[in-house]
Amino acid sequence: MNRYRTVLLILSAFVLPLAADELLTLDDALQSAVAANPTYLAAVKSAEASDNKRLLVRAGFMPVISSELSYKRTTLNSAPVPGASSFQDMLGMFNPSALNPAATMPKDRSESDSFNNYSLSLLVTQNIWDFKTYYNYQGAGHTRSAVELDADAAVNNLYLTVVQAYFAVLAADATLVSARGSVAQMEKRLETATAQVENGLRTPVDKLRAEADLASARLNLIKAMNLRENAVKSLATAIGRDPAQGVRVDPDARAGVLEVSDPAQAASDALARRPDARALKEKIAAARSTAQAARGDYYPQFKANAGVSYGGYEFDNLKYNWYIGAAVSWNIFAGLATQTQAKDADTAIAVLELNLRALELSVRQEIESALIAVREAREKEEPTRTMYNAAKAALELADQRFEQGLGTITDVSDAQALYEQASAALIQTRYDLETATARLKKALGLGGTAFYQHKGE
């Protein structure tokens, strides 16, 4: 890689240095992204929300305790009980208030008379066992794990996004340096052509061709400046910074080196490692729990309950009562809703399993494509460097012949075009190698690991 630095230094000798903005290393960019990128932060918040939902489902197995303190003013009118048994008649004979509290009231009271009523109660209900709640809780646990893995997948994707944006700025910087160098060369060449025309060594056509070449170089410089500006804004967006903020990237930045000796084994390891594949497996497990929860309506629910109350009609004569018991409820028929929900859950499982299969195929293809890209970028290094050195030497020779009045403006223009093409290819080769390495890391599920390594974790 040092040869690329040498080339860039040679190119920079033709131009003024870039604007002195803040130096942003690749480590800084990654740290900024994990701290401020809204897409990643949203994934983290989603993981927190899923944990709250799991706790909400777990509340179904926690006791429900409620209390009530009440006062009301009420009448005590009641209708006689039809068909009362002899026992009830006897009970009413000895204790009239047993059947009707109003029986103890004065005989001369009217139906509009009202009385105080005081009540204090404490009730406890405990869900002993509920199949539906149990499986929903299991499903919520798998969902939480899936959302956490989705956040890890966001980190894996974010790593590639940041690296690509970072090296796009580096490539734009090098392109800008080359464009400025071309403008400087064209200006010098126009001066030479103008002097030679004035001395009668060349025709005015040569001067006009030099002016056209200079105008073309200036147009390319404008494009290069806009290219860098857009690249900087893209990088700032990726790392969660203000796009208007200017930065300088580190020309020594590297995405690292990654060697893969066995692509098949690498693909197998990637499927076991990649957070998006693991998240889909957790979602499948959650969907299966959802299907079991839907079928949980076929089974009974068991609950225990207890309560104590303290109340009466006279504040100085309140009485207490308590109870304790258990209940079993069974949904016998719900209009085929349970069956429909179970079928819907089974369909969701089938869809997720197909999605997992599609992802497995996509991961294998992504790894193969990244390996080809890395190999191609490495294989292009030597011929690209050779082409650049040859084009540079040819341009220097053409310039010398032009200044001596031996070469034509067409020879110089052709050599300049070849040099610019070789320079652009050399810049792109370095960019391709770094981004291809980052793509391979992301495909193998190592983007997140590399991300956190850059964070120092």
Protein backbone atom coordinates (compact mmCIF):
# COMPACT_ATOMS: atom_id res chain seq x y z
CA MET A 1 0.00 0.00 0.00
CA ASN A 2 2.97 2.36 0.41
CA ARG A 3 3.21 2.71 -3.35
CA TYR A 4 -0.25 4.30 -3.36
CA ARG A 5 0.86 6.83 -0.78
CA THR A 6 3.88 7.62 -2.97
CA VAL A 7 1.65 8.15 -5.98
CA LEU A 8 -0.66 10.44 -4.02
CA LEU A 9 2.30 12.44 -2.77
CA ILE A 10 3.53 12.81 -6.33
CA LEU A 11 0.09 13.97 -7.44
CA SER A 12 -0.17 16.41 -4.55
CA ALA A 13 3.06 18.09 -5.63
CA PHE A 14 1.11 19.70 -8.46
CA VAL A 15 -1.51 21.36 -6.27
CA LEU A 16 -2.21 23.34 -3.16
CA PRO A 17 -3.10 21.30 -0.07
CA LEU A 18 -6.73 20.57 0.75
CA ALA A 19 -8.70 22.73 3.14
CA ALA A 20 -7.62 22.34 6.72
CA ASP A 21 -10.75 20.75 8.20
CA GLU A 22 -10.97 18.42 11.15
CA LEU A 23 -8.96 15.20 10.72
CA LEU A 24 -11.29 12.24 11.05
CA THR A 25 -9.64 8.83 11.39
CA LEU A 26 -11.48 5.64 10.54
CA ASP A 27 -11.60 4.81 14.26
CA ASP A 28 -13.18 8.19 14.96
CA ALA A 29 -15.74 7.66 12.21
CA LEU A 30 -16.76 4.26 13.58
CA GLN A 31 -17.01 5.55 17.14
CA SER A 32 -19.10 8.48 15.99
CA ALA A 33 -21.41 6.18 14.04
CA VAL A 34 -22.11 3.87 16.97
CA ALA A 35 -22.78 6.88 19.18
CA ALA A 36 -24.88 9.00 16.84
CA ASN A 37 -26.17 7.04 13.82
CA PRO A 38 -29.98 7.19 14.19
CA THR A 39 -30.60 3.86 12.44
CA TYR A 40 -28.39 2.00 14.90
CA LEU A 41 -29.75 3.90 17.92
CA ALA A 42 -33.30 3.10 16.81
CA ALA A 43 -32.38 -0.62 16.72
CA VAL A 44 -31.02 -0.34 20.27
CA LYS A 45 -34.22 1.34 21.47
CA SER A 46 -36.28 -1.38 19.80
CA ALA A 47 -34.34 -3.97 21.80
CA GLU A 48 -35.17 -2.10 25.02
CA ALA A 49 -38.84 -1.95 24.03
CA SER A 50 -38.95 -5.70 23.35
CA ASP A 51 -37.61 -6.38 26.83
CA ASN A 52 -40.43 -4.29 28.29
CA LYS A 53 -42.95 -6.34 26.29
CA ARG A 54 -41.48 -9.54 27.72
CA LEU A 55 -41.88 -8.19 31.24
CA LEU A 56 -45.45 -7.22 30.39
CA VAL A 57 -46.24 -10.81 29.40
CA ARG A 58 -44.58 -12.10 32.56
CA ALA A 59 -46.97 -9.97 34.58
CA GLY A 60 -49.63 -12.56 33.72
CA PHE A 61 -48.02 -14.92 36.24
CA MET A 62 -47.66 -12.32 38.96
CA PRO A 63 -50.33 -11.86 41.66
CA VAL A 64 -52.91 -9.13 41.15
CA ILE A 65 -53.60 -7.28 44.39
CA SER A 66 -56.29 -4.65 44.63
CA SER A 67 -57.94 -2.78 47.46
CA GLU A 68 -60.95 -0.55 47.71
CA LEU A 69 -62.18 1.86 50.33
CA SER A 70 -65.67 3.11 49.67
CA TYR A 71 -68.54 5.00 51.21
CA LYS A 72 -71.99 5.39 49.81
CA ARG A 73 -75.41 6.54 50.91
CA THR A 74 -77.97 3.95 49.86
CA THR A 75 -81.54 2.80 50.34
CA LEU A 76 -82.22 -0.72 51.60
CA ASN A 77 -85.36 -1.71 49.77
CA SER A 78 -85.63 -5.32 48.66
CA ALA A 79 -88.27 -7.62 47.23
CA PRO A 80 -89.33 -10.78 49.10
CA VAL A 81 -87.67 -14.00 47.98
CA PRO A 82 -90.24 -16.17 46.18
CA GLY A 83 -90.44 -19.81 47.14
CA ALA A 84 -88.26 -19.51 50.22
CA SER A 85 -87.53 -22.85 51.86
CA SER A 86 -88.66 -23.75 55.37
CA PHE A 87 -85.08 -23.36 56.50
CA GLN A 88 -84.98 -19.86 55.08
CA ASP A 89 -88.34 -19.14 56.76
CA MET A 90 -86.95 -20.36 60.07
CA LEU A 91 -83.77 -18.37 59.56
CA GLY A 92 -85.81 -15.29 58.85
CA MET A 93 -87.93 -15.92 61.98
CA PHE A 94 -84.97 -15.88 64.33
CA ASN A 95 -82.74 -13.52 62.37
CA PRO A 96 -84.76 -11.39 59.96
CA SER A 97 -81.65 -9.56 58.79
CA ALA A 98 -80.25 -12.81 57.41
CA LEU A 99 -82.61 -12.55 54.45
CA ASN A 100 -83.16 -8.82 54.45
CA PRO A 101 -81.01 -6.31 56.35
CA ALA A 102 -83.89 -3.89 56.13
CA ALA A 103 -85.93 -6.18 58.41
CA THR A 104 -84.10 -4.79 61.42
CA MET A 105 -84.89 -1.24 60.48
CA PRO A 106 -87.76 0.66 62.15
CA LYS A 107 -91.20 -0.32 60.95
CA ASP A 108 -92.19 3.23 60.24
CA ARG A 109 -89.38 3.91 57.78
CA SER A 110 -90.28 4.79 54.21
CA GLU A 111 -88.77 3.37 51.01
CA SER A 112 -87.05 6.68 50.40
CA ASP A 113 -85.01 6.48 53.61
CA SER A 114 -81.26 6.09 53.04
CA PHE A 115 -78.43 4.82 55.16
CA ASN A 116 -74.65 4.97 55.36
CA ASN A 117 -72.59 2.15 53.90
CA TYR A 118 -68.89 1.70 54.66
CA SER A 119 -66.59 -0.83 52.97
CA LEU A 120 -62.88 -1.68 52.98
CA SER A 121 -61.70 -4.68 50.93
CA LEU A 122 -58.43 -6.32 49.85
CA LEU A 123 -58.48 -8.83 46.99
CA VAL A 124 -55.69 -11.11 45.72
CA THR A 125 -55.82 -13.14 42.51
CA GLN A 126 -52.99 -15.45 41.44
CA ASN A 127 -52.71 -17.10 38.03
CA ILE A 128 -51.48 -20.59 38.97
CA TRP A 129 -51.09 -21.89 35.42
CA ASP A 130 -52.11 -20.68 31.99
CA PHE A 131 -50.72 -22.42 28.91
CA LYS A 132 -51.29 -19.40 26.70
CA THR A 133 -49.45 -17.02 29.02
CA TYR A 134 -46.58 -19.48 29.43
CA TYR A 135 -45.97 -19.84 25.68
CA ASN A 136 -46.45 -16.12 25.11
CA TYR A 137 -43.72 -15.49 27.68
CA GLN A 138 -41.40 -17.92 25.92
CA GLY A 139 -42.16 -16.23 22.61
CA ALA A 140 -41.47 -12.81 24.10
CA GLY A 141 -38.05 -14.05 25.20
CA HIS A 142 -37.23 -15.21 21.66
CA THR A 143 -38.55 -11.92 20.27
CA ARG A 144 -36.30 -9.97 22.61
CA SER A 145 -33.29 -12.01 21.48
CA ALA A 146 -34.27 -11.47 17.83
CA VAL A 147 -34.52 -7.70 18.27
CA GLU A 148 -31.16 -7.59 20.04
CA LEU A 149 -29.65 -9.53 17.14
CA ASP A 150 -31.31 -7.10 14.74
CA ALA A 151 -29.38 -4.36 16.52
CA ASP A 152 -26.17 -6.38 16.02
CA ALA A 153 -27.09 -6.79 12.35
CA ALA A 154 -27.50 -3.02 12.13
CA VAL A 155 -23.94 -2.69 13.48
CA ASN A 156 -22.67 -5.19 10.90
CA ASN A 157 -24.33 -3.24 8.09
CA LEU A 158 -23.29 0.10 9.55
CA TYR A 159 -19.64 -0.96 9.55
CA LEU A 160 -19.73 -1.50 5.79
CA THR A 161 -21.63 1.74 5.23
CA VAL A 162 -19.09 3.78 7.21
CA VAL A 163 -16.05 2.15 5.58
CA GLN A 164 -17.46 2.63 2.09
CA ALA A 165 -18.30 6.27 2.81
CA TYR A 166 -14.89 6.87 4.39
CA PHE A 167 -12.89 5.48 1.47
CA ALA A 168 -15.20 7.23 -0.98
CA VAL A 169 -13.94 10.48 0.55
CA LEU A 170 -10.36 9.24 0.25
CA ALA A 171 -10.92 8.42 -3.42
CA ALA A 172 -12.56 11.81 -3.96
CA ASP A 173 -9.57 13.49 -2.30
CA ALA A 174 -7.16 11.71 -4.62
CA THR A 175 -9.33 12.52 -7.63
CA LEU A 176 -9.39 16.18 -6.60
CA VAL A 177 -5.61 16.22 -6.23
CA SER A 178 -5.25 14.70 -9.69
CA ALA A 179 -7.71 17.19 -11.21
CA ARG A 180 -5.88 20.15 -9.70
CA GLY A 181 -2.61 18.76 -11.00
CA SER A 182 -4.08 18.47 -14.48
CA VAL A 183 -5.22 22.10 -14.39
CA ALA A 184 -1.72 23.23 -13.38
CA GLN A 185 -0.18 21.20 -16.20
CA MET A 186 -2.65 22.57 -18.73
CA GLU A 187 -1.98 26.15 -17.67
CA LYS A 188 1.75 25.63 -18.11
CA ARG A 189 1.19 23.95 -21.48
CA LEU A 190 -0.97 26.87 -22.66
CA GLU A 191 1.79 29.30 -21.71
CA THR A 192 4.27 27.24 -23.74
CA ALA A 193 1.95 27.01 -26.73
CA THR A 194 1.24 30.78 -26.61
CA ALA A 195 4.95 31.63 -26.55
CA GLN A 196 5.71 29.24 -29.39
CA VAL A 197 2.89 30.64 -31.51
CA GLU A 198 4.18 34.16 -30.93
CA ASN A 199 7.67 33.02 -31.99
CA GLY A 200 6.29 31.36 -35.10
CA LEU A 201 7.18 27.85 -33.97
CA ARG A 202 3.56 26.66 -33.90
CA THR A 203 0.28 27.44 -35.55
CA PRO A 204 -2.65 29.11 -33.73
CA VAL A 205 -4.45 25.77 -33.85
CA ASP A 206 -2.03 24.42 -31.24
CA LYS A 207 -2.83 27.34 -28.94
CA LEU A 208 -6.57 26.82 -29.39
CA ARG A 209 -6.16 23.09 -28.63
CA ALA A 210 -4.24 23.98 -25.45
CA GLU A 211 -7.01 26.40 -24.41
CA ALA A 212 -9.63 23.67 -24.99
CA ASP A 213 -7.60 21.19 -22.95
CA LEU A 214 -7.33 23.70 -20.10
CA ALA A 215 -11.07 24.34 -20.16
CA SER A 216 -11.72 20.58 -20.08
CA ALA A 217 -9.34 20.20 -17.10
CA ARG A 218 -11.15 22.97 -15.23
CA LEU A 219 -14.49 21.26 -15.86
CA ASN A 220 -13.06 18.04 -14.46
CA LEU A 221 -11.84 19.97 -11.43
CA ILE A 222 -15.36 21.31 -10.80
CA LYS A 223 -16.73 17.77 -11.02
CA ALA A 224 -14.02 16.52 -8.64
CA MET A 225 -14.81 19.26 -6.11
CA ASN A 226 -18.52 18.43 -6.19
CA LEU A 227 -17.72 14.71 -5.96
CA ARG A 228 -15.72 15.30 -2.78
CA GLU A 229 -18.39 17.53 -1.29
CA ASN A 230 -21.05 14.85 -1.82
CA ALA A 231 -18.73 12.16 -0.47
CA VAL A 232 -18.09 14.19 2.70
CA LYS A 233 -21.82 14.73 3.22
CA SER A 234 -22.48 11.01 2.77
CA LEU A 235 -19.81 10.18 5.33
CA ALA A 236 -21.19 12.73 7.80
CA THR A 237 -24.69 11.27 7.40
CA ALA A 238 -23.40 7.73 7.96
CA ILE A 239 -21.68 8.67 11.22
CA GLY A 240 -24.56 10.79 12.47
CA ARG A 241 -22.91 14.20 12.07
CA ASP A 242 -24.04 17.43 10.49
CA PRO A 243 -23.57 17.05 6.71
CA ALA A 244 -22.45 20.68 6.55
CA GLN A 245 -19.44 19.91 8.75
CA GLY A 246 -16.18 19.62 6.81
CA VAL A 247 -13.69 16.84 7.55
CA ARG A 248 -10.34 15.52 6.39
CA VAL A 249 -9.86 11.78 6.22
CA ASP A 250 -6.67 9.91 7.03
CA PRO A 251 -4.81 8.78 3.87
CA ASP A 252 -3.17 6.01 5.93
CA ALA A 253 -6.54 4.46 6.91
CA ARG A 254 -6.96 0.76 6.24
CA ALA A 255 -9.89 -1.61 6.49
CA GLY A 256 -7.53 -4.40 7.51
CA VAL A 257 -6.53 -7.68 5.91
CA LEU A 258 -8.70 -10.78 5.86
CA GLU A 259 -7.70 -14.15 4.42
CA VAL A 260 -10.20 -16.91 3.66
CA SER A 261 -8.68 -20.31 2.90
CA ASP A 262 -11.89 -22.37 2.72
CA PRO A 263 -14.89 -20.49 1.28
CA ALA A 264 -17.33 -23.31 2.05
CA GLN A 265 -16.32 -23.44 5.70
CA ALA A 266 -16.33 -19.64 5.85
CA ALA A 267 -19.92 -19.61 4.58
CA SER A 268 -20.95 -22.20 7.15
CA ASP A 269 -19.29 -20.22 9.95
CA ALA A 270 -20.87 -17.00 8.69
CA LEU A 271 -24.37 -18.48 8.83
CA ALA A 272 -23.76 -19.47 12.44
CA ARG A 273 -22.24 -16.07 13.26
CA ARG A 274 -24.20 -13.51 11.31
CA PRO A 275 -26.71 -11.71 13.52
CA ASP A 276 -29.37 -11.42 10.81
CA ALA A 277 -29.43 -15.23 10.35
CA ARG A 278 -29.49 -15.79 14.10
CA ALA A 279 -32.25 -13.20 14.46
CA LEU A 280 -34.39 -15.07 11.92
CA LYS A 281 -33.91 -18.31 13.85
CA GLU A 282 -35.07 -16.56 17.02
CA LYS A 283 -38.08 -15.18 15.16
CA ILE A 284 -38.95 -18.70 14.03
CA ALA A 285 -38.73 -19.89 17.64
CA ALA A 286 -40.94 -16.97 18.69
CA ALA A 287 -43.47 -17.84 15.99
CA ARG A 288 -43.57 -21.44 17.20
CA SER A 289 -44.24 -20.23 20.72
CA THR A 290 -47.00 -18.03 19.34
CA ALA A 291 -48.56 -21.08 17.66
CA GLN A 292 -48.41 -23.01 20.94
CA ALA A 293 -49.88 -20.04 22.76
CA ALA A 294 -52.78 -19.95 20.30
CA ARG A 295 -53.43 -23.64 20.99
CA GLY A 296 -53.18 -22.87 24.71
CA ASP A 297 -56.83 -21.78 24.54
CA TYR A 298 -57.68 -25.47 24.18
CA TYR A 299 -56.54 -26.03 27.79
CA PRO A 300 -57.92 -24.81 31.13
CA GLN A 301 -56.65 -21.90 33.21
CA PHE A 302 -56.06 -22.32 36.95
CA LYS A 303 -56.37 -19.44 39.36
CA ALA A 304 -56.42 -18.91 43.11
CA ASN A 305 -58.11 -15.99 44.83
CA ALA A 306 -58.55 -14.63 48.32
CA GLY A 307 -60.01 -11.56 49.91
CA VAL A 308 -60.90 -9.84 53.13
CA SER A 309 -63.47 -7.13 53.69
CA TYR A 310 -64.51 -4.87 56.54
CA GLY A 311 -67.77 -2.98 56.33
CA GLY A 312 -71.30 -2.33 57.44
CA TYR A 313 -74.02 0.31 57.78
CA GLU A 314 -72.89 1.83 61.04
CA PHE A 315 -69.35 3.17 61.41
CA ASP A 316 -69.06 1.94 65.02
CA ASN A 317 -70.40 -1.49 64.21
CA LEU A 318 -68.41 -2.67 61.18
CA LYS A 319 -67.86 -6.40 60.55
CA TYR A 320 -65.16 -8.29 58.68
CA ASN A 321 -65.39 -11.24 56.29
CA TRP A 322 -62.81 -13.20 54.35
CA TYR A 323 -62.68 -15.86 51.68
CA ILE A 324 -60.15 -18.05 49.91
CA GLY A 325 -60.72 -20.21 46.89
CA ALA A 326 -59.63 -21.49 43.50
CA ALA A 327 -61.10 -21.47 40.03
CA VAL A 328 -60.69 -23.39 36.81
CA SER A 329 -61.89 -21.86 33.56
CA TRP A 330 -62.00 -23.64 30.23
CA ASN A 331 -62.84 -22.08 26.90
CA ILE A 332 -65.04 -24.78 25.38
CA PHE A 333 -65.86 -23.05 22.10
CA ALA A 334 -64.77 -19.66 20.74
CA GLY A 335 -66.28 -19.65 17.26
CA LEU A 336 -63.22 -21.40 15.71
CA ALA A 337 -61.08 -18.38 16.62
CA THR A 338 -58.48 -20.57 18.35
CA GLN A 339 -58.14 -22.85 15.33
CA THR A 340 -57.80 -19.88 12.98
CA GLN A 341 -55.15 -18.24 15.15
CA ALA A 342 -53.17 -21.49 15.25
CA LYS A 343 -53.28 -21.84 11.46
CA ASP A 344 -52.20 -18.23 11.06
CA ALA A 345 -49.23 -18.83 13.38
CA ASP A 346 -48.26 -21.97 11.43
CA THR A 347 -48.29 -19.95 8.22
CA ALA A 348 -46.05 -17.32 9.79
CA ILE A 349 -43.58 -20.07 10.76
CA ALA A 350 -43.48 -21.37 7.19
CA VAL A 351 -42.85 -17.88 5.82
CA LEU A 352 -40.00 -17.25 8.27
CA GLU A 353 -38.40 -20.60 7.47
CA LEU A 354 -38.46 -19.73 3.76
CA ASN A 355 -36.97 -16.33 4.56
CA LEU A 356 -34.18 -18.08 6.44
CA ARG A 357 -33.49 -20.33 3.48
CA ALA A 358 -33.38 -17.30 1.17
CA LEU A 359 -30.99 -15.55 3.55
CA GLU A 360 -28.70 -18.59 3.65
CA LEU A 361 -28.47 -18.59 -0.15
CA SER A 362 -27.95 -14.82 -0.16
CA VAL A 363 -25.14 -15.05 2.41
CA ARG A 364 -23.30 -17.69 0.41
CA GLN A 365 -23.59 -15.59 -2.75
CA GLU A 366 -22.52 -12.46 -0.85
CA ILE A 367 -19.40 -14.19 0.45
CA GLU A 368 -18.47 -15.53 -2.98
CA SER A 369 -18.99 -12.10 -4.52
CA ALA A 370 -16.87 -10.42 -1.84
CA LEU A 371 -14.08 -12.96 -2.28
CA ILE A 372 -14.06 -12.34 -6.03
CA ALA A 373 -13.98 -8.57 -5.43
CA VAL A 374 -11.00 -8.89 -3.06
CA ARG A 375 -9.14 -11.15 -5.46
CA GLU A 376 -9.84 -8.86 -8.40
CA ALA A 377 -8.69 -5.77 -6.48
CA ARG A 378 -5.43 -7.46 -5.52
CA GLU A 379 -4.82 -8.75 -9.04
CA LYS A 380 -5.38 -5.26 -10.48
CA GLU A 381 -2.70 -3.69 -8.29
CA GLU A 382 0.36 -4.63 -10.36
CA PRO A 383 -0.98 -3.91 -13.88
CA THR A 384 -2.59 -0.69 -12.68
CA ARG A 385 0.68 0.50 -11.14
CA THR A 386 2.56 -0.45 -14.30
CA MET A 387 0.04 1.41 -16.44
CA TYR A 388 0.33 4.49 -14.22
CA ASN A 389 4.13 4.53 -14.30
CA ALA A 390 4.15 4.12 -18.08
CA ALA A 391 1.53 6.82 -18.60
CA LYS A 392 3.40 9.21 -16.31
CA ALA A 393 6.67 8.63 -18.16
CA ALA A 394 4.92 9.05 -21.52
CA LEU A 395 3.38 12.35 -20.40
CA GLU A 396 6.71 13.68 -19.19
CA LEU A 397 8.36 12.74 -22.49
CA ALA A 398 5.52 14.29 -24.51
CA ASP A 399 5.78 17.51 -22.50
CA GLN A 400 9.55 17.69 -23.09
CA ARG A 401 9.13 17.18 -26.85
CA PHE A 402 6.34 19.77 -26.92
CA GLU A 403 8.48 22.37 -25.12
CA GLN A 404 11.34 21.68 -27.56
CA GLY A 405 9.03 22.15 -30.51
CA LEU A 406 9.38 18.53 -31.62
CA GLY A 407 6.07 17.03 -30.49
CA THR A 408 2.54 18.05 -31.44
CA ILE A 409 -0.23 19.24 -29.17
CA THR A 410 -2.15 16.11 -30.13
CA ASP A 411 0.68 13.92 -28.77
CA VAL A 412 0.62 15.80 -25.47
CA SER A 413 -3.18 15.69 -25.20
CA ASP A 414 -3.24 11.96 -25.85
CA ALA A 415 -0.52 11.37 -23.25
CA GLN A 416 -2.42 13.57 -20.78
CA ALA A 417 -5.63 11.62 -21.32
CA LEU A 418 -3.82 8.31 -20.80
CA TYR A 419 -2.19 9.63 -17.64
CA GLU A 420 -5.48 10.82 -16.17
CA GLN A 421 -7.07 7.48 -16.99
CA ALA A 422 -4.22 5.58 -15.31
CA SER A 423 -4.30 7.90 -12.30
CA ALA A 424 -8.03 7.39 -11.86
CA ALA A 425 -7.60 3.62 -12.20
CA LEU A 426 -4.87 3.61 -9.53
CA ILE A 427 -7.03 5.61 -7.14
CA GLN A 428 -10.01 3.33 -7.77
CA THR A 429 -7.92 0.20 -7.24
CA ARG A 430 -7.01 1.21 -3.71
CA TYR A 431 -10.61 2.15 -2.96
CA ASP A 432 -11.85 -1.15 -4.41
CA LEU A 433 -9.46 -3.21 -2.28
CA GLU A 434 -10.39 -1.52 0.98
CA THR A 435 -14.14 -1.61 0.36
CA ALA A 436 -13.98 -5.19 -0.91
CA THR A 437 -12.26 -6.20 2.33
CA ALA A 438 -14.98 -4.44 4.30
CA ARG A 439 -17.65 -6.19 2.21
CA LEU A 440 -16.05 -9.54 2.99
CA LYS A 441 -16.02 -8.78 6.71
CA LYS A 442 -19.66 -7.80 6.60
CA ALA A 443 -20.58 -10.92 4.58
CA LEU A 444 -18.80 -13.13 7.13
CA GLY A 445 -20.60 -11.40 10.00
CA LEU A 446 -17.37 -9.82 11.22
CA GLY A 447 -18.36 -6.23 10.58
CA GLY A 448 -19.74 -5.81 14.06
CA THR A 449 -16.64 -7.39 15.58
CA ALA A 450 -14.40 -5.06 13.60
CA PHE A 451 -16.66 -2.19 14.59
CA TYR A 452 -16.27 -2.87 18.30
CA GLN A 453 -12.57 -3.49 17.90
CA HIS A 454 -12.26 -0.01 16.48
CA LYS A 455 -14.20 1.17 19.54
CA GLY A 456 -11.64 -0.50 21.78
CA GLU A 457 -14.14 -3.03 23.20
